[in-house]
N, C-alpha and C. Protein backbone atom coordinates (compact mmCIF):
# COMPACT_ATOMS: atom_id res chain seq x y z
N MET A 1 -17.98 -56.70 -5.04
CA MET A 1 -18.93 -55.19 -5.66
C MET A 1 -17.04 -54.81 -6.19
N LYS A 2 -16.31 -54.88 -7.42
CA LYS A 2 -15.98 -54.01 -8.38
C LYS A 2 -16.02 -52.40 -8.29
N ALA A 3 -14.55 -51.73 -7.30
CA ALA A 3 -14.95 -50.72 -7.75
C ALA A 3 -14.58 -50.04 -9.52
N GLU A 4 -15.30 -48.99 -9.67
CA GLU A 4 -14.66 -47.75 -11.43
C GLU A 4 -13.59 -47.81 -11.34
N PRO A 5 -12.58 -47.30 -12.06
CA PRO A 5 -11.90 -46.71 -11.92
C PRO A 5 -11.53 -45.28 -11.85
N PRO A 6 -10.59 -45.06 -11.31
CA PRO A 6 -10.44 -43.63 -11.73
C PRO A 6 -11.48 -42.42 -12.87
N ASP A 7 -11.48 -41.70 -13.02
CA ASP A 7 -11.59 -40.65 -14.52
C ASP A 7 -10.67 -40.77 -14.52
N ILE A 8 -9.45 -41.03 -15.15
CA ILE A 8 -8.25 -40.55 -16.22
C ILE A 8 -8.34 -39.67 -16.89
N GLU A 9 -9.57 -38.96 -17.25
CA GLU A 9 -10.25 -38.48 -18.24
C GLU A 9 -10.23 -37.11 -18.24
N THR A 10 -11.20 -36.99 -16.67
CA THR A 10 -11.16 -35.86 -16.52
C THR A 10 -9.56 -35.08 -15.43
N MET A 11 -10.19 -36.28 -14.53
CA MET A 11 -8.30 -35.94 -14.10
C MET A 11 -7.54 -34.98 -14.75
N ARG A 12 -7.21 -35.36 -16.18
CA ARG A 12 -6.16 -35.04 -17.15
C ARG A 12 -6.64 -34.28 -17.95
N ASP A 13 -8.36 -33.49 -17.75
CA ASP A 13 -8.78 -32.16 -18.66
C ASP A 13 -8.16 -30.47 -17.42
N VAL A 14 -8.70 -31.25 -16.40
CA VAL A 14 -7.79 -30.22 -14.97
C VAL A 14 -7.00 -29.62 -15.65
N ILE A 15 -5.86 -30.76 -15.73
CA ILE A 15 -3.84 -30.60 -15.87
C ILE A 15 -4.15 -30.05 -17.04
N ASP A 16 -4.36 -30.53 -17.48
CA ASP A 16 -3.96 -29.49 -19.27
C ASP A 16 -4.68 -28.23 -18.92
N ARG A 17 -5.08 -28.05 -18.48
CA ARG A 17 -6.29 -26.60 -18.09
C ARG A 17 -4.97 -25.37 -17.45
N LEU A 18 -4.38 -26.55 -16.75
CA LEU A 18 -3.58 -25.47 -16.65
C LEU A 18 -1.65 -25.00 -16.29
N LEU A 19 -1.98 -26.45 -17.16
CA LEU A 19 -0.64 -27.09 -17.69
C LEU A 19 -0.48 -26.30 -19.38
N ASP A 20 -1.31 -27.08 -19.73
CA ASP A 20 -0.90 -27.26 -21.04
C ASP A 20 -1.61 -26.13 -21.32
N PRO A 21 -0.95 -25.00 -22.24
CA PRO A 21 -1.67 -24.10 -22.63
C PRO A 21 -2.78 -24.19 -24.14
N ASP A 22 -1.64 -25.51 -24.76
CA ASP A 22 -2.01 -25.78 -26.23
C ASP A 22 -2.62 -26.59 -26.05
N ALA A 23 -2.97 -26.92 -25.69
CA ALA A 23 -4.48 -28.31 -24.78
C ALA A 23 -5.93 -27.91 -25.10
N VAL A 24 -5.44 -26.29 -24.99
CA VAL A 24 -7.04 -25.58 -24.89
C VAL A 24 -6.31 -23.98 -25.34
N PRO A 25 -6.01 -23.96 -27.04
CA PRO A 25 -6.61 -22.79 -27.35
C PRO A 25 -6.68 -21.49 -26.72
N GLN A 26 -7.86 -21.83 -26.70
CA GLN A 26 -8.52 -19.81 -26.94
C GLN A 26 -9.00 -20.11 -25.02
N ALA A 27 -8.11 -21.07 -24.02
CA ALA A 27 -8.17 -21.08 -22.96
C ALA A 27 -7.24 -19.91 -22.06
N LEU A 28 -7.50 -18.64 -21.49
CA LEU A 28 -6.97 -17.49 -20.76
C LEU A 28 -6.67 -18.32 -19.90
N PRO A 29 -5.82 -17.54 -18.72
CA PRO A 29 -4.87 -17.64 -17.92
C PRO A 29 -6.63 -18.19 -16.32
N PRO A 30 -6.54 -18.78 -15.26
CA PRO A 30 -7.58 -18.46 -14.66
C PRO A 30 -7.07 -17.21 -13.97
N VAL A 31 -9.04 -16.96 -13.41
CA VAL A 31 -9.21 -15.87 -12.89
C VAL A 31 -9.03 -16.27 -11.66
N PRO A 32 -8.62 -15.09 -10.52
CA PRO A 32 -8.72 -16.20 -9.38
C PRO A 32 -9.76 -17.20 -8.77
N GLY A 33 -10.74 -16.43 -9.02
CA GLY A 33 -11.63 -18.05 -8.74
C GLY A 33 -12.00 -18.36 -9.10
N GLU A 34 -12.01 -18.83 -10.72
CA GLU A 34 -11.37 -19.63 -11.24
C GLU A 34 -10.23 -20.94 -10.78
N LEU A 35 -9.49 -20.46 -9.84
CA LEU A 35 -8.27 -20.48 -9.73
C LEU A 35 -8.60 -21.88 -8.98
N GLU A 36 -8.69 -20.89 -7.43
CA GLU A 36 -9.82 -21.16 -6.80
C GLU A 36 -10.74 -22.55 -6.31
N THR A 37 -11.35 -22.42 -7.73
CA THR A 37 -12.56 -23.73 -7.99
C THR A 37 -11.07 -24.82 -8.42
N LEU A 38 -10.28 -24.89 -9.60
CA LEU A 38 -9.91 -25.58 -9.62
C LEU A 38 -8.70 -26.22 -9.01
N THR A 39 -8.13 -25.38 -7.55
CA THR A 39 -7.09 -25.53 -6.75
C THR A 39 -8.40 -26.30 -5.82
N LEU A 40 -9.32 -26.86 -5.41
CA LEU A 40 -10.12 -27.70 -5.12
C LEU A 40 -10.72 -29.00 -5.75
N GLN A 41 -11.19 -28.35 -7.50
CA GLN A 41 -10.75 -29.82 -7.84
C GLN A 41 -9.84 -30.89 -7.76
N LEU A 42 -8.72 -29.89 -8.47
CA LEU A 42 -7.71 -30.50 -8.05
C LEU A 42 -6.72 -31.98 -6.70
N ARG A 43 -7.57 -30.88 -5.45
CA ARG A 43 -7.35 -31.15 -4.06
C ARG A 43 -8.16 -32.75 -4.13
N GLY A 44 -9.83 -32.56 -4.98
CA GLY A 44 -10.39 -34.00 -4.98
C GLY A 44 -10.32 -35.14 -5.59
N HIS A 45 -9.49 -34.58 -6.65
CA HIS A 45 -8.57 -35.22 -7.43
C HIS A 45 -7.84 -36.25 -6.75
N LEU A 46 -6.51 -35.21 -6.42
CA LEU A 46 -6.32 -35.64 -5.52
C LEU A 46 -6.14 -37.30 -4.56
N ALA A 47 -7.19 -36.55 -3.58
CA ALA A 47 -7.08 -37.86 -1.92
C ALA A 47 -8.30 -38.87 -2.75
N LEU A 48 -8.83 -38.96 -3.95
CA LEU A 48 -9.09 -40.01 -4.59
C LEU A 48 -7.76 -41.01 -5.52
N MET A 49 -7.04 -39.89 -5.58
CA MET A 49 -6.10 -41.39 -6.22
C MET A 49 -4.56 -41.90 -5.64
N LEU A 50 -5.15 -41.00 -4.68
CA LEU A 50 -3.08 -41.06 -3.77
C LEU A 50 -4.10 -42.92 -3.04
N PRO A 51 -5.39 -42.80 -2.98
CA PRO A 51 -4.94 -44.37 -2.43
C PRO A 51 -5.08 -44.96 -2.73
N GLU A 52 -5.59 -44.80 -4.70
CA GLU A 52 -5.36 -46.33 -6.00
C GLU A 52 -4.17 -46.11 -5.99
N VAL A 53 -3.28 -44.64 -6.35
CA VAL A 53 -1.96 -45.60 -6.93
C VAL A 53 -1.40 -46.33 -5.46
N GLU A 54 -1.52 -45.93 -4.08
CA GLU A 54 -1.15 -46.69 -2.85
C GLU A 54 -2.04 -48.47 -3.36
N GLN A 55 -2.31 -48.18 -3.10
CA GLN A 55 -2.88 -49.56 -3.37
C GLN A 55 -2.60 -50.76 -4.84
N ALA A 56 -2.65 -50.26 -5.74
CA ALA A 56 -2.08 -50.88 -6.17
C ALA A 56 -0.73 -50.99 -6.62
N ALA A 57 0.01 -49.92 -6.39
CA ALA A 57 1.47 -50.27 -6.08
C ALA A 57 1.69 -51.50 -4.58
N LYS A 58 1.34 -51.12 -3.61
CA LYS A 58 1.07 -52.29 -2.67
C LYS A 58 0.86 -54.36 -3.76
N ARG A 59 0.42 -54.21 -4.41
CA ARG A 59 0.28 -55.32 -5.24
C ARG A 59 1.26 -55.77 -5.65
N LEU A 60 2.37 -54.79 -6.15
CA LEU A 60 3.53 -55.59 -6.36
C LEU A 60 4.01 -55.85 -5.53
N PRO A 61 5.50 -56.67 -5.95
CA PRO A 61 6.32 -56.72 -5.03
C PRO A 61 7.19 -56.40 -4.28
N ALA A 62 7.38 -56.25 -2.95
CA ALA A 62 8.67 -54.76 -1.85
C ALA A 62 9.19 -54.56 -3.03
N GLU A 63 10.83 -55.30 -4.14
CA GLU A 63 11.27 -54.83 -4.88
C GLU A 63 11.13 -54.00 -5.93
N SER A 64 9.72 -54.01 -6.60
CA SER A 64 9.78 -53.53 -7.95
C SER A 64 9.89 -51.19 -8.00
N ILE A 65 10.76 -52.39 -9.21
CA ILE A 65 10.63 -50.36 -8.92
C ILE A 65 9.81 -49.11 -9.17
N PRO A 66 8.46 -50.18 -10.00
CA PRO A 66 7.10 -49.58 -10.37
C PRO A 66 6.34 -49.24 -9.28
N ARG A 67 6.91 -50.72 -8.29
CA ARG A 67 5.57 -50.05 -7.18
C ARG A 67 6.83 -48.60 -5.89
N TYR A 68 8.30 -49.24 -6.06
CA TYR A 68 8.92 -47.86 -5.31
C TYR A 68 8.51 -46.74 -5.58
N CYS A 69 8.73 -46.32 -7.54
CA CYS A 69 8.59 -44.82 -7.23
C CYS A 69 7.33 -43.85 -7.81
N ALA A 70 6.25 -45.63 -7.52
CA ALA A 70 4.67 -44.81 -7.39
C ALA A 70 4.41 -44.60 -5.41
N LEU A 71 5.54 -44.70 -4.74
CA LEU A 71 4.26 -45.00 -3.80
C LEU A 71 5.67 -42.98 -3.08
N VAL A 72 6.91 -43.54 -3.70
CA VAL A 72 7.03 -42.16 -2.97
C VAL A 72 6.08 -41.30 -3.70
N SER A 73 5.82 -40.75 -5.12
CA SER A 73 5.13 -39.91 -5.48
C SER A 73 3.96 -39.74 -5.04
N VAL A 74 3.26 -41.08 -4.30
CA VAL A 74 1.28 -40.84 -3.17
C VAL A 74 2.29 -40.09 -2.22
N GLY A 75 4.01 -39.69 -1.47
CA GLY A 75 4.24 -39.41 -0.07
C GLY A 75 4.57 -37.72 -0.67
N GLU A 76 4.89 -37.75 -2.20
CA GLU A 76 4.79 -36.58 -2.37
C GLU A 76 3.10 -35.61 -2.34
N ALA A 77 2.71 -36.49 -3.10
CA ALA A 77 1.23 -35.85 -3.14
C ALA A 77 0.54 -35.42 -2.40
N ARG A 78 0.98 -36.16 -1.29
CA ARG A 78 0.15 -36.00 0.84
C ARG A 78 1.64 -35.01 0.68
N GLU A 79 2.40 -34.80 1.17
CA GLU A 79 3.32 -33.31 1.35
C GLU A 79 2.43 -31.81 0.87
N ARG A 80 1.96 -32.23 -0.74
CA ARG A 80 1.47 -31.20 -1.18
C ARG A 80 0.46 -31.09 -0.77
N LEU A 81 -0.47 -32.02 -0.66
CA LEU A 81 -1.79 -31.47 -0.07
C LEU A 81 -1.68 -30.67 1.54
N ARG A 82 -0.44 -31.10 1.67
CA ARG A 82 -0.76 -30.38 3.48
C ARG A 82 -0.02 -29.39 3.22
N SER A 83 0.60 -29.04 1.49
CA SER A 83 1.42 -27.27 1.83
C SER A 83 0.00 -26.00 1.34
N GLU A 84 0.92 -24.51 2.39
CA GLU A 84 -0.13 -24.65 0.80
C GLU A 84 0.47 -22.70 0.00
N PRO A 85 0.16 -21.98 -0.33
CA PRO A 85 0.50 -21.09 -1.75
C PRO A 85 1.73 -20.61 -0.92
N THR A 86 2.78 -19.36 -0.84
CA THR A 86 3.69 -18.86 -0.90
C THR A 86 4.10 -18.21 -1.96
N ARG A 87 4.36 -16.76 -1.62
CA ARG A 87 4.86 -15.74 -2.39
C ARG A 87 6.48 -16.36 -3.34
N ARG A 88 6.78 -16.01 -2.13
CA ARG A 88 8.37 -17.47 -2.85
C ARG A 88 8.26 -18.58 -4.12
N TYR A 89 7.19 -19.27 -4.25
CA TYR A 89 6.38 -20.15 -4.77
C TYR A 89 5.79 -19.98 -6.58
N GLY A 90 5.48 -18.94 -6.30
CA GLY A 90 3.98 -18.35 -7.06
C GLY A 90 2.96 -18.18 -6.39
N GLY A 91 2.66 -18.17 -5.37
CA GLY A 91 1.44 -17.95 -5.09
C GLY A 91 0.05 -18.56 -5.43
N PRO A 92 -0.84 -17.99 -4.88
CA PRO A 92 -1.71 -19.32 -5.54
C PRO A 92 -1.39 -19.94 -7.00
N ALA A 93 -1.32 -19.57 -7.20
CA ALA A 93 -0.92 -19.92 -9.47
C ALA A 93 -0.28 -21.01 -9.40
N GLY A 94 0.90 -20.82 -8.54
CA GLY A 94 2.32 -21.55 -8.57
C GLY A 94 2.47 -23.12 -7.93
N HIS A 95 0.91 -22.90 -6.60
CA HIS A 95 0.76 -23.50 -5.94
C HIS A 95 -0.44 -24.79 -7.02
N THR A 96 -1.04 -24.20 -7.39
CA THR A 96 -1.84 -24.89 -7.91
C THR A 96 -1.62 -25.41 -9.45
N ARG A 97 -0.11 -24.89 -9.68
CA ARG A 97 0.66 -25.97 -10.52
C ARG A 97 0.94 -26.73 -9.99
N ARG A 98 2.18 -26.88 -8.96
CA ARG A 98 2.40 -27.86 -8.46
C ARG A 98 1.42 -28.78 -7.92
N LEU A 99 0.35 -28.35 -7.65
CA LEU A 99 -0.87 -29.70 -7.51
C LEU A 99 -1.37 -30.05 -9.06
N ALA A 100 -0.91 -29.50 -9.75
CA ALA A 100 -1.20 -30.02 -10.78
C ALA A 100 0.31 -30.65 -12.26
N ARG A 101 0.81 -30.58 -11.32
CA ARG A 101 1.76 -31.35 -11.47
C ARG A 101 1.85 -32.92 -11.04
N THR A 102 1.53 -32.37 -9.87
CA THR A 102 0.97 -34.58 -9.11
C THR A 102 0.33 -35.46 -8.96
N LEU A 103 -0.39 -34.13 -9.42
CA LEU A 103 -2.13 -35.74 -9.93
C LEU A 103 -1.42 -35.82 -10.82
N ASN A 104 -1.36 -35.23 -11.95
CA ASN A 104 -0.20 -35.93 -13.49
C ASN A 104 -0.02 -37.24 -13.57
N ALA A 105 0.94 -36.35 -11.98
CA ALA A 105 2.33 -37.51 -12.08
C ALA A 105 1.59 -38.74 -11.24
N LEU A 106 0.57 -38.84 -10.07
CA LEU A 106 -0.01 -39.73 -9.49
C LEU A 106 -1.47 -40.41 -11.33
N CYS A 107 -1.26 -39.72 -12.30
CA CYS A 107 -1.92 -40.78 -12.77
C CYS A 107 -1.51 -41.14 -14.39
N ASP A 108 0.23 -41.26 -14.35
CA ASP A 108 0.76 -41.55 -14.41
C ASP A 108 1.29 -42.89 -14.47
N HIS A 109 1.61 -42.60 -12.77
CA HIS A 109 1.66 -44.34 -12.31
C HIS A 109 0.58 -44.92 -12.28
N TRP A 110 0.02 -43.69 -11.63
CA TRP A 110 -1.41 -45.35 -11.93
C TRP A 110 -1.78 -46.33 -13.31
N GLU A 111 -1.94 -45.52 -14.60
CA GLU A 111 -1.68 -46.03 -15.85
C GLU A 111 -1.11 -47.66 -15.10
N ALA A 112 0.86 -47.26 -15.22
CA ALA A 112 1.70 -47.42 -15.41
C ALA A 112 1.42 -49.48 -14.22
N LEU A 113 0.77 -48.53 -13.52
CA LEU A 113 0.43 -50.32 -12.27
C LEU A 113 -0.87 -50.84 -13.12
N ALA A 114 -2.04 -49.89 -13.52
CA ALA A 114 -2.35 -51.04 -14.47
C ALA A 114 -2.49 -51.96 -15.17
N ARG A 115 -0.74 -51.30 -16.04
CA ARG A 115 -0.37 -52.03 -17.20
C ARG A 115 0.41 -52.98 -16.70
N VAL A 116 1.09 -52.75 -16.06
CA VAL A 116 2.22 -53.93 -14.68
C VAL A 116 1.13 -55.05 -14.19
N ALA A 117 0.08 -54.98 -13.65
CA ALA A 117 -0.75 -55.76 -13.53
C ALA A 117 -1.62 -56.26 -14.55
N THR A 118 -1.73 -55.96 -15.78
CA THR A 118 -2.51 -56.69 -16.77
C THR A 118 -1.67 -58.22 -17.54
N SER A 119 -0.27 -57.14 -17.39
CA SER A 119 0.56 -57.75 -18.58
C SER A 119 0.58 -58.87 -17.32
N GLU A 120 0.51 -58.91 -16.11
CA GLU A 120 1.45 -60.08 -14.95
C GLU A 120 -0.38 -60.73 -14.76
N ARG A 121 -1.53 -60.35 -15.78
CA ARG A 121 -3.02 -61.68 -15.38
C ARG A 121 -2.52 -62.50 -16.91
N SER A 122 -2.10 -62.43 -17.37
CA SER A 122 -2.17 -62.65 -19.30
C SER A 122 -0.58 -63.96 -19.07
């Protein structure tokens, strides 16, 4: 049975909520309770995307640049998931934005790897 692809659109909606206020002009900065919810969503999305991107990257040849870049991003995402908010880097809001940027990078890599896989089959 073939697994469904990740819901990139939903993930991008959460990312845009934090990183692109112009994408949701009526949106206000997240309040503390909402920030906690967004952080949990991002953590869940990252947990789903990490194995997806890693598996897709490992299907490419070892010398592949897209493979290398995606695996570096996977490593960074794991580090971000282990990190905690600090006042030095913007507290909880800064931490959540970093998670959003990391998820955005994983989504970009996943889409790029899917294009590479499709072009190799053609």
